[in-house]
Amino acid sequence: MEASQFVFGVDLDGVCGDYTAAFREVVAQELGVSEDSLSLERSWNFNEWGLSTADFERLHQLAVVERHIFATMPLIEGCADTLWRLSDAGVWIRIITHRLYVNWGHATAIADTVSWLDSNRVPYRDLCFLGAKPEVSADAYIDDGPHNVIGLRRAGNTVICFDQPYNRDLSGLRAHNWAEVEDIILELAAAGSHGVQIQFPGIDAGADRLDRNRGS
């Protein structure tokens, strides 16, 4: 990595992947209820779903280890294409996620995460699994977890809060979709000493470039 490159720290669940939708499917099946009965407008602790802390931990472990939601969760619209464009513009994509939450499920979480990133064509230069995100160096971060946003900002970092129902009480820099994320990061990079560059001539754009190149 060149010293002048802008490093963008990117969270996965709730930012790149739709954890709520994936987890809701598992919870509905396990509890024998309809998915519609589990509101998408939920709090961080899933109180609206009637889950205790023990319930969440049990169902989350089942979802990760047995149902492999880290390999199958839906990609949030615009994520991969936006990250490709930012990478092409010279932004260093650093994935930072706290997915090693389940005891004895670390191998599954890591393997499924890499598989998901590859299958959804999400570009990245670094992949970091850790909970203390302020310990990872980046010029800007994006996260949905209220505690992460608050902690990173208190440590003096620039943080984009990716809009979700459980973080709307937080003020400050916010993006409601990946188009807004792209605008914010390009503006931040251009305003600093990093700069941005346009798409190189002859280089395919889009997250499906690898598939198209293989086909040709």
C-alpha atoms as a PDB file:
ATOM      1  CA  MET A   1       0.000   0.000   0.000  1.00  0.00           C
ATOM      2  CA  GLU A   2       1.314   3.429  -0.922  1.00  0.00           C
ATOM      3  CA  ALA A   3       1.523   5.926   1.928  1.00  0.00           C
ATOM      4  CA  SER A   4      -0.756   8.314   0.054  1.00  0.00           C
ATOM      5  CA  GLN A   5      -3.613   5.817  -0.411  1.00  0.00           C
ATOM      6  CA  PHE A   6      -6.910   6.514   1.331  1.00  0.00           C
ATOM      7  CA  VAL A   7      -7.851   3.560   3.539  1.00  0.00           C
ATOM      8  CA  PHE A   8     -11.562   2.830   3.896  1.00  0.00           C
ATOM      9  CA  GLY A   9     -12.533   0.531   6.797  1.00  0.00           C
ATOM     10  CA  VAL A  10     -15.714  -1.343   5.858  1.00  0.00           C
ATOM     11  CA  ASP A  11     -17.980  -3.316   8.182  1.00  0.00           C
ATOM     12  CA  LEU A  12     -19.904  -6.295   6.774  1.00  0.00           C
ATOM     13  CA  ASP A  13     -23.127  -7.157   8.637  1.00  0.00           C
ATOM     14  CA  GLY A  14     -25.753  -4.464   8.196  1.00  0.00           C
ATOM     15  CA  VAL A  15     -23.512  -2.539   5.797  1.00  0.00           C
ATOM     16  CA  CYS A  16     -22.497  -4.902   2.993  1.00  0.00           C
ATOM     17  CA  GLY A  17     -24.702  -7.874   3.840  1.00  0.00           C
ATOM     18  CA  ASP A  18     -28.309  -7.895   5.024  1.00  0.00           C
ATOM     19  CA  TYR A  19     -27.886  -9.685   8.354  1.00  0.00           C
ATOM     20  CA  THR A  20     -31.408  -8.828   9.538  1.00  0.00           C
ATOM     21  CA  ALA A  21     -33.057 -10.519   6.537  1.00  0.00           C
ATOM     22  CA  ALA A  22     -30.840 -13.601   6.767  1.00  0.00           C
ATOM     23  CA  PHE A  23     -31.250 -13.991  10.525  1.00  0.00           C
ATOM     24  CA  ARG A  24     -35.008 -13.365  10.352  1.00  0.00           C
ATOM     25  CA  GLU A  25     -35.441 -16.342   8.030  1.00  0.00           C
ATOM     26  CA  VAL A  26     -33.648 -18.633  10.470  1.00  0.00           C
ATOM     27  CA  VAL A  27     -35.492 -17.289  13.533  1.00  0.00           C
ATOM     28  CA  ALA A  28     -38.898 -17.633  11.858  1.00  0.00           C
ATOM     29  CA  GLN A  29     -38.216 -21.262  10.966  1.00  0.00           C
ATOM     30  CA  GLU A  30     -36.883 -22.142  14.411  1.00  0.00           C
ATOM     31  CA  LEU A  31     -39.735 -20.433  16.293  1.00  0.00           C
ATOM     32  CA  GLY A  32     -42.413 -21.630  13.884  1.00  0.00           C
ATOM     33  CA  VAL A  33     -43.674 -18.144  13.060  1.00  0.00           C
ATOM     34  CA  SER A  34     -44.042 -16.189   9.839  1.00  0.00           C
ATOM     35  CA  GLU A  35     -41.211 -13.887   8.767  1.00  0.00           C
ATOM     36  CA  ASP A  36     -43.712 -11.031   8.522  1.00  0.00           C
ATOM     37  CA  SER A  37     -44.294 -11.300  12.282  1.00  0.00           C
ATOM     38  CA  LEU A  38     -40.628 -10.368  12.861  1.00  0.00           C
ATOM     39  CA  SER A  39     -40.325  -6.668  12.132  1.00  0.00           C
ATOM     40  CA  LEU A  40     -37.447  -5.377  10.038  1.00  0.00           C
ATOM     41  CA  GLU A  41     -37.704  -2.153  12.074  1.00  0.00           C
ATOM     42  CA  ARG A  42     -35.880  -3.719  14.968  1.00  0.00           C
ATOM     43  CA  SER A  43     -33.614  -2.525  17.744  1.00  0.00           C
ATOM     44  CA  TRP A  44     -29.996  -3.620  18.139  1.00  0.00           C
ATOM     45  CA  ASN A  45     -30.966  -6.305  20.683  1.00  0.00           C
ATOM     46  CA  PHE A  46     -33.928  -7.673  18.672  1.00  0.00           C
ATOM     47  CA  ASN A  47     -36.336  -6.799  21.488  1.00  0.00           C
ATOM     48  CA  GLU A  48     -39.202  -6.560  18.990  1.00  0.00           C
ATOM     49  CA  TRP A  49     -38.752 -10.241  18.177  1.00  0.00           C
ATOM     50  CA  GLY A  50     -39.138 -11.276  21.824  1.00  0.00           C
ATOM     51  CA  LEU A  51     -35.608 -12.699  22.037  1.00  0.00           C
ATOM     52  CA  SER A  52     -33.713 -12.830  25.303  1.00  0.00           C
ATOM     53  CA  THR A  53     -29.928 -12.610  25.280  1.00  0.00           C
ATOM     54  CA  ALA A  54     -29.756 -16.393  25.618  1.00  0.00           C
ATOM     55  CA  ASP A  55     -32.255 -16.837  22.763  1.00  0.00           C
ATOM     56  CA  PHE A  56     -30.222 -14.589  20.489  1.00  0.00           C
ATOM     57  CA  GLU A  57     -26.945 -16.341  21.257  1.00  0.00           C
ATOM     58  CA  ARG A  58     -28.453 -19.779  20.620  1.00  0.00           C
ATOM     59  CA  LEU A  59     -30.157 -18.759  17.373  1.00  0.00           C
ATOM     60  CA  HIS A  60     -27.161 -16.776  16.137  1.00  0.00           C
ATOM     61  CA  GLN A  61     -24.887 -19.780  16.696  1.00  0.00           C
ATOM     62  CA  LEU A  62     -27.316 -22.021  14.825  1.00  0.00           C
ATOM     63  CA  ALA A  63     -27.596 -19.478  12.001  1.00  0.00           C
ATOM     64  CA  VAL A  64     -23.813 -19.217  11.621  1.00  0.00           C
ATOM     65  CA  VAL A  65     -22.654 -22.784  12.215  1.00  0.00           C
ATOM     66  CA  GLU A  66     -25.551 -24.838  10.820  1.00  0.00           C
ATOM     67  CA  ARG A  67     -27.337 -22.516   8.400  1.00  0.00           C
ATOM     68  CA  HIS A  68     -24.192 -20.757   7.146  1.00  0.00           C
ATOM     69  CA  ILE A  69     -25.774 -17.315   6.873  1.00  0.00           C
ATOM     70  CA  PHE A  70     -22.335 -15.709   6.549  1.00  0.00           C
ATOM     71  CA  ALA A  71     -22.042 -17.508   3.208  1.00  0.00           C
ATOM     72  CA  THR A  72     -25.583 -16.907   1.985  1.00  0.00           C
ATOM     73  CA  MET A  73     -26.930 -13.584   3.320  1.00  0.00           C
ATOM     74  CA  PRO A  74     -28.227 -11.113   0.698  1.00  0.00           C
ATOM     75  CA  LEU A  75     -25.835  -8.463  -0.564  1.00  0.00           C
ATOM     76  CA  ILE A  76     -27.029  -4.920   0.124  1.00  0.00           C
ATOM     77  CA  GLU A  77     -27.798  -3.198  -3.157  1.00  0.00           C
ATOM     78  CA  GLY A  78     -24.966  -1.199  -4.691  1.00  0.00           C
ATOM     79  CA  CYS A  79     -22.270  -2.439  -2.319  1.00  0.00           C
ATOM     80  CA  ALA A  80     -20.001  -4.414  -4.652  1.00  0.00           C
ATOM     81  CA  ASP A  81     -20.175  -2.035  -7.615  1.00  0.00           C
ATOM     82  CA  THR A  82     -19.496   0.961  -5.372  1.00  0.00           C
ATOM     83  CA  LEU A  83     -16.494  -0.683  -3.731  1.00  0.00           C
ATOM     84  CA  TRP A  84     -15.084  -1.603  -7.147  1.00  0.00           C
ATOM     85  CA  ARG A  85     -15.390   2.000  -8.296  1.00  0.00           C
ATOM     86  CA  LEU A  86     -13.748   3.266  -5.116  1.00  0.00           C
ATOM     87  CA  SER A  87     -10.960   0.707  -5.460  1.00  0.00           C
ATOM     88  CA  ASP A  88     -10.443   1.740  -9.095  1.00  0.00           C
ATOM     89  CA  ALA A  89     -10.191   5.347  -7.891  1.00  0.00           C
ATOM     90  CA  GLY A  90      -7.284   4.390  -5.624  1.00  0.00           C
ATOM     91  CA  VAL A  91      -9.126   3.753  -2.338  1.00  0.00           C
ATOM     92  CA  TRP A  92      -7.710   0.895  -0.245  1.00  0.00           C
ATOM     93  CA  ILE A  93     -10.633  -1.300   0.893  1.00  0.00           C
ATOM     94  CA  ARG A  94     -10.082  -2.794   4.352  1.00  0.00           C
ATOM     95  CA  ILE A  95     -12.859  -5.145   5.540  1.00  0.00           C
ATOM     96  CA  ILE A  96     -13.196  -5.024   9.338  1.00  0.00           C
ATOM     97  CA  THR A  97     -15.719  -7.343  10.975  1.00  0.00           C
ATOM     98  CA  HIS A  98     -16.432  -8.854  14.388  1.00  0.00           C
ATOM     99  CA  ARG A  99     -17.712 -12.234  13.237  1.00  0.00           C
ATOM    100  CA  LEU A 100     -15.758 -14.413  15.680  1.00  0.00           C
ATOM    101  CA  TYR A 101     -18.587 -14.169  18.199  1.00  0.00           C
ATOM    102  CA  VAL A 102     -19.558 -17.844  18.245  1.00  0.00           C
ATOM    103  CA  ASN A 103     -17.355 -20.159  20.311  1.00  0.00           C
ATOM    104  CA  TRP A 104     -16.097 -23.161  18.332  1.00  0.00           C
ATOM    105  CA  GLY A 105     -17.448 -21.647  15.134  1.00  0.00           C
ATOM    106  CA  HIS A 106     -14.489 -19.520  14.062  1.00  0.00           C
ATOM    107  CA  ALA A 107     -13.401 -21.765  11.186  1.00  0.00           C
ATOM    108  CA  THR A 108     -16.927 -21.719   9.760  1.00  0.00           C
ATOM    109  CA  ALA A 109     -17.297 -17.955  10.175  1.00  0.00           C
ATOM    110  CA  ILE A 110     -13.996 -17.202   8.470  1.00  0.00           C
ATOM    111  CA  ALA A 111     -14.444 -19.665   5.603  1.00  0.00           C
ATOM    112  CA  ASP A 112     -18.030 -18.556   4.956  1.00  0.00           C
ATOM    113  CA  THR A 113     -17.050 -14.881   5.060  1.00  0.00           C
ATOM    114  CA  VAL A 114     -14.338 -15.332   2.427  1.00  0.00           C
ATOM    115  CA  SER A 115     -16.706 -17.433   0.315  1.00  0.00           C
ATOM    116  CA  TRP A 116     -19.393 -14.755   0.541  1.00  0.00           C
ATOM    117  CA  LEU A 117     -17.002 -11.964  -0.420  1.00  0.00           C
ATOM    118  CA  ASP A 118     -15.796 -13.971  -3.421  1.00  0.00           C
ATOM    119  CA  SER A 119     -19.226 -15.101  -4.606  1.00  0.00           C
ATOM    120  CA  ASN A 120     -20.608 -11.552  -4.369  1.00  0.00           C
ATOM    121  CA  ARG A 121     -17.500 -10.091  -6.032  1.00  0.00           C
ATOM    122  CA  VAL A 122     -16.793  -7.699  -3.158  1.00  0.00           C
ATOM    123  CA  PRO A 123     -13.263  -6.263  -3.569  1.00  0.00           C
ATOM    124  CA  TYR A 124     -10.891  -5.825  -0.646  1.00  0.00           C
ATOM    125  CA  ARG A 125      -7.166  -5.584   0.095  1.00  0.00           C
ATOM    126  CA  ASP A 126      -7.287  -6.536   3.799  1.00  0.00           C
ATOM    127  CA  LEU A 127      -9.690  -8.686   5.823  1.00  0.00           C
ATOM    128  CA  CYS A 128      -9.615  -8.130   9.598  1.00  0.00           C
ATOM    129  CA  PHE A 129     -11.601 -10.122  12.184  1.00  0.00           C
ATOM    130  CA  LEU A 130     -11.698  -8.210  15.465  1.00  0.00           C
ATOM    131  CA  GLY A 131     -13.975  -6.450  17.900  1.00  0.00           C
ATOM    132  CA  ALA A 132     -11.853  -3.420  18.854  1.00  0.00           C
ATOM    133  CA  LYS A 133     -12.149  -1.516  15.605  1.00  0.00           C
ATOM    134  CA  PRO A 134     -10.288   1.644  16.745  1.00  0.00           C
ATOM    135  CA  GLU A 135      -7.159  -0.539  16.827  1.00  0.00           C
ATOM    136  CA  VAL A 136      -7.224  -0.828  13.016  1.00  0.00           C
ATOM    137  CA  SER A 137      -5.854   2.103  11.056  1.00  0.00           C
ATOM    138  CA  ALA A 138      -8.109   3.677   8.423  1.00  0.00           C
ATOM    139  CA  ASP A 139      -8.791   7.175   7.111  1.00  0.00           C
ATOM    140  CA  ALA A 140     -12.556   6.633   7.316  1.00  0.00           C
ATOM    141  CA  TYR A 141     -14.864   3.885   8.505  1.00  0.00           C
ATOM    142  CA  ILE A 142     -18.405   2.772   7.784  1.00  0.00           C
ATOM    143  CA  ASP A 143     -20.387   0.871  10.399  1.00  0.00           C
ATOM    144  CA  ASP A 144     -23.975   0.277  11.480  1.00  0.00           C
ATOM    145  CA  GLY A 145     -23.424  -0.787  15.090  1.00  0.00           C
ATOM    146  CA  PRO A 146     -24.166   2.151  17.426  1.00  0.00           C
ATOM    147  CA  HIS A 147     -21.441   1.121  19.890  1.00  0.00           C
ATOM    148  CA  ASN A 148     -18.889   0.862  17.081  1.00  0.00           C
ATOM    149  CA  VAL A 149     -19.821   4.234  15.595  1.00  0.00           C
ATOM    150  CA  ILE A 150     -19.621   5.915  19.011  1.00  0.00           C
ATOM    151  CA  GLY A 151     -16.360   4.191  19.945  1.00  0.00           C
ATOM    152  CA  LEU A 152     -14.646   4.978  16.663  1.00  0.00           C
ATOM    153  CA  ARG A 153     -15.730   8.623  16.779  1.00  0.00           C
ATOM    154  CA  ARG A 154     -14.580   9.009  20.372  1.00  0.00           C
ATOM    155  CA  ALA A 155     -11.167   7.785  19.252  1.00  0.00           C
ATOM    156  CA  GLY A 156     -11.052  10.644  16.757  1.00  0.00           C
ATOM    157  CA  ASN A 157     -12.002   8.738  13.601  1.00  0.00           C
ATOM    158  CA  THR A 158     -14.178   9.787  10.679  1.00  0.00           C
ATOM    159  CA  VAL A 159     -17.120   7.377  10.656  1.00  0.00           C
ATOM    160  CA  ILE A 160     -20.040   7.039   8.262  1.00  0.00           C
ATOM    161  CA  CYS A 161     -23.055   5.616  10.059  1.00  0.00           C
ATOM    162  CA  PHE A 162     -24.828   3.313   7.578  1.00  0.00           C
ATOM    163  CA  ASP A 163     -28.516   3.921   8.148  1.00  0.00           C
ATOM    164  CA  GLN A 164     -30.398   1.178   9.993  1.00  0.00           C
ATOM    165  CA  PRO A 165     -33.448   1.353  12.317  1.00  0.00           C
ATOM    166  CA  TYR A 166     -31.320   0.690  15.405  1.00  0.00           C
ATOM    167  CA  ASN A 167     -28.891   3.580  14.861  1.00  0.00           C
ATOM    168  CA  ARG A 168     -31.161   6.464  13.889  1.00  0.00           C
ATOM    169  CA  ASP A 169     -30.739   8.205  17.224  1.00  0.00           C
ATOM    170  CA  LEU A 170     -27.103   8.891  16.348  1.00  0.00           C
ATOM    171  CA  SER A 171     -26.230  12.247  14.821  1.00  0.00           C
ATOM    172  CA  GLY A 172     -23.310  12.978  12.528  1.00  0.00           C
ATOM    173  CA  LEU A 173     -22.152  11.685   9.165  1.00  0.00           C
ATOM    174  CA  ARG A 174     -24.681   9.196   7.741  1.00  0.00           C
ATOM    175  CA  ALA A 175     -25.348   7.340   4.488  1.00  0.00           C
ATOM    176  CA  HIS A 176     -28.690   5.821   3.575  1.00  0.00           C
ATOM    177  CA  ASN A 177     -27.376   3.795   0.633  1.00  0.00           C
ATOM    178  CA  TRP A 178     -24.157   2.959  -1.196  1.00  0.00           C
ATOM    179  CA  ALA A 179     -24.528   5.802  -3.684  1.00  0.00           C
ATOM    180  CA  GLU A 180     -24.256   8.216  -0.749  1.00  0.00           C
ATOM    181  CA  VAL A 181     -21.293   6.247   0.624  1.00  0.00           C
ATOM    182  CA  GLU A 182     -19.461   6.637  -2.688  1.00  0.00           C
ATOM    183  CA  ASP A 183     -20.017  10.403  -2.772  1.00  0.00           C
ATOM    184  CA  ILE A 184     -18.804  10.824   0.818  1.00  0.00           C
ATOM    185  CA  ILE A 185     -15.637   8.736   0.404  1.00  0.00           C
ATOM    186  CA  LEU A 186     -14.644  10.372  -2.888  1.00  0.00           C
ATOM    187  CA  GLU A 187     -15.128  13.792  -1.298  1.00  0.00           C
ATOM    188  CA  LEU A 188     -13.070  12.845   1.769  1.00  0.00           C
ATOM    189  CA  ALA A 189     -10.273  11.353  -0.332  1.00  0.00           C
ATOM    190  CA  ALA A 190     -10.163  14.322  -2.697  1.00  0.00           C
ATOM    191  CA  ALA A 191     -10.143  16.807   0.182  1.00  0.00           C
ATOM    192  CA  GLY A 192      -7.097  15.221   1.773  1.00  0.00           C
ATOM    193  CA  SER A 193      -3.645  14.529   0.414  1.00  0.00           C
ATOM    194  CA  HIS A 194      -4.726  11.253  -1.180  1.00  0.00           C
ATOM    195  CA  GLY A 195      -6.573  12.302  -4.319  1.00  0.00           C
ATOM    196  CA  VAL A 196      -8.651  10.056  -6.550  1.00  0.00           C
ATOM    197  CA  GLN A 197      -8.249   8.797 -10.084  1.00  0.00           C
ATOM    198  CA  ILE A 198     -10.679   7.956 -12.847  1.00  0.00           C
ATOM    199  CA  GLN A 199     -11.258   4.473 -14.250  1.00  0.00           C
ATOM    200  CA  PHE A 200      -8.227   3.358 -16.250  1.00  0.00           C
ATOM    201  CA  PRO A 201      -8.868   3.000 -20.009  1.00  0.00           C
ATOM    202  CA  GLY A 202      -9.219  -0.627 -21.049  1.00  0.00           C
ATOM    203  CA  ILE A 203     -10.113  -1.832 -17.531  1.00  0.00           C
ATOM    204  CA  ASP A 204     -13.614  -3.250 -17.198  1.00  0.00           C
ATOM    205  CA  ALA A 205     -15.926  -1.592 -14.715  1.00  0.00           C
ATOM    206  CA  GLY A 206     -18.436  -3.389 -12.495  1.00  0.00           C
ATOM    207  CA  ALA A 207     -18.417  -6.139  -9.891  1.00  0.00           C
ATOM    208  CA  ASP A 208     -18.971  -8.828 -12.536  1.00  0.00           C
ATOM    209  CA  ARG A 209     -15.736  -8.034 -14.405  1.00  0.00           C
ATOM    210  CA  LEU A 210     -14.086 -11.275 -13.316  1.00  0.00           C
ATOM    211  CA  ASP A 211     -16.938 -13.398 -14.669  1.00  0.00           C
ATOM    212  CA  ARG A 212     -16.954 -11.487 -17.960  1.00  0.00           C
ATOM    213  CA  ASN A 213     -13.200 -11.837 -18.357  1.00  0.00           C
ATOM    214  CA  ARG A 214     -13.368 -15.578 -17.673  1.00  0.00           C
ATOM    215  CA  GLY A 215     -16.112 -15.916 -20.261  1.00  0.00           C
ATOM    216  CA  SER A 216     -14.043 -14.191 -22.913  1.00  0.00           C
END
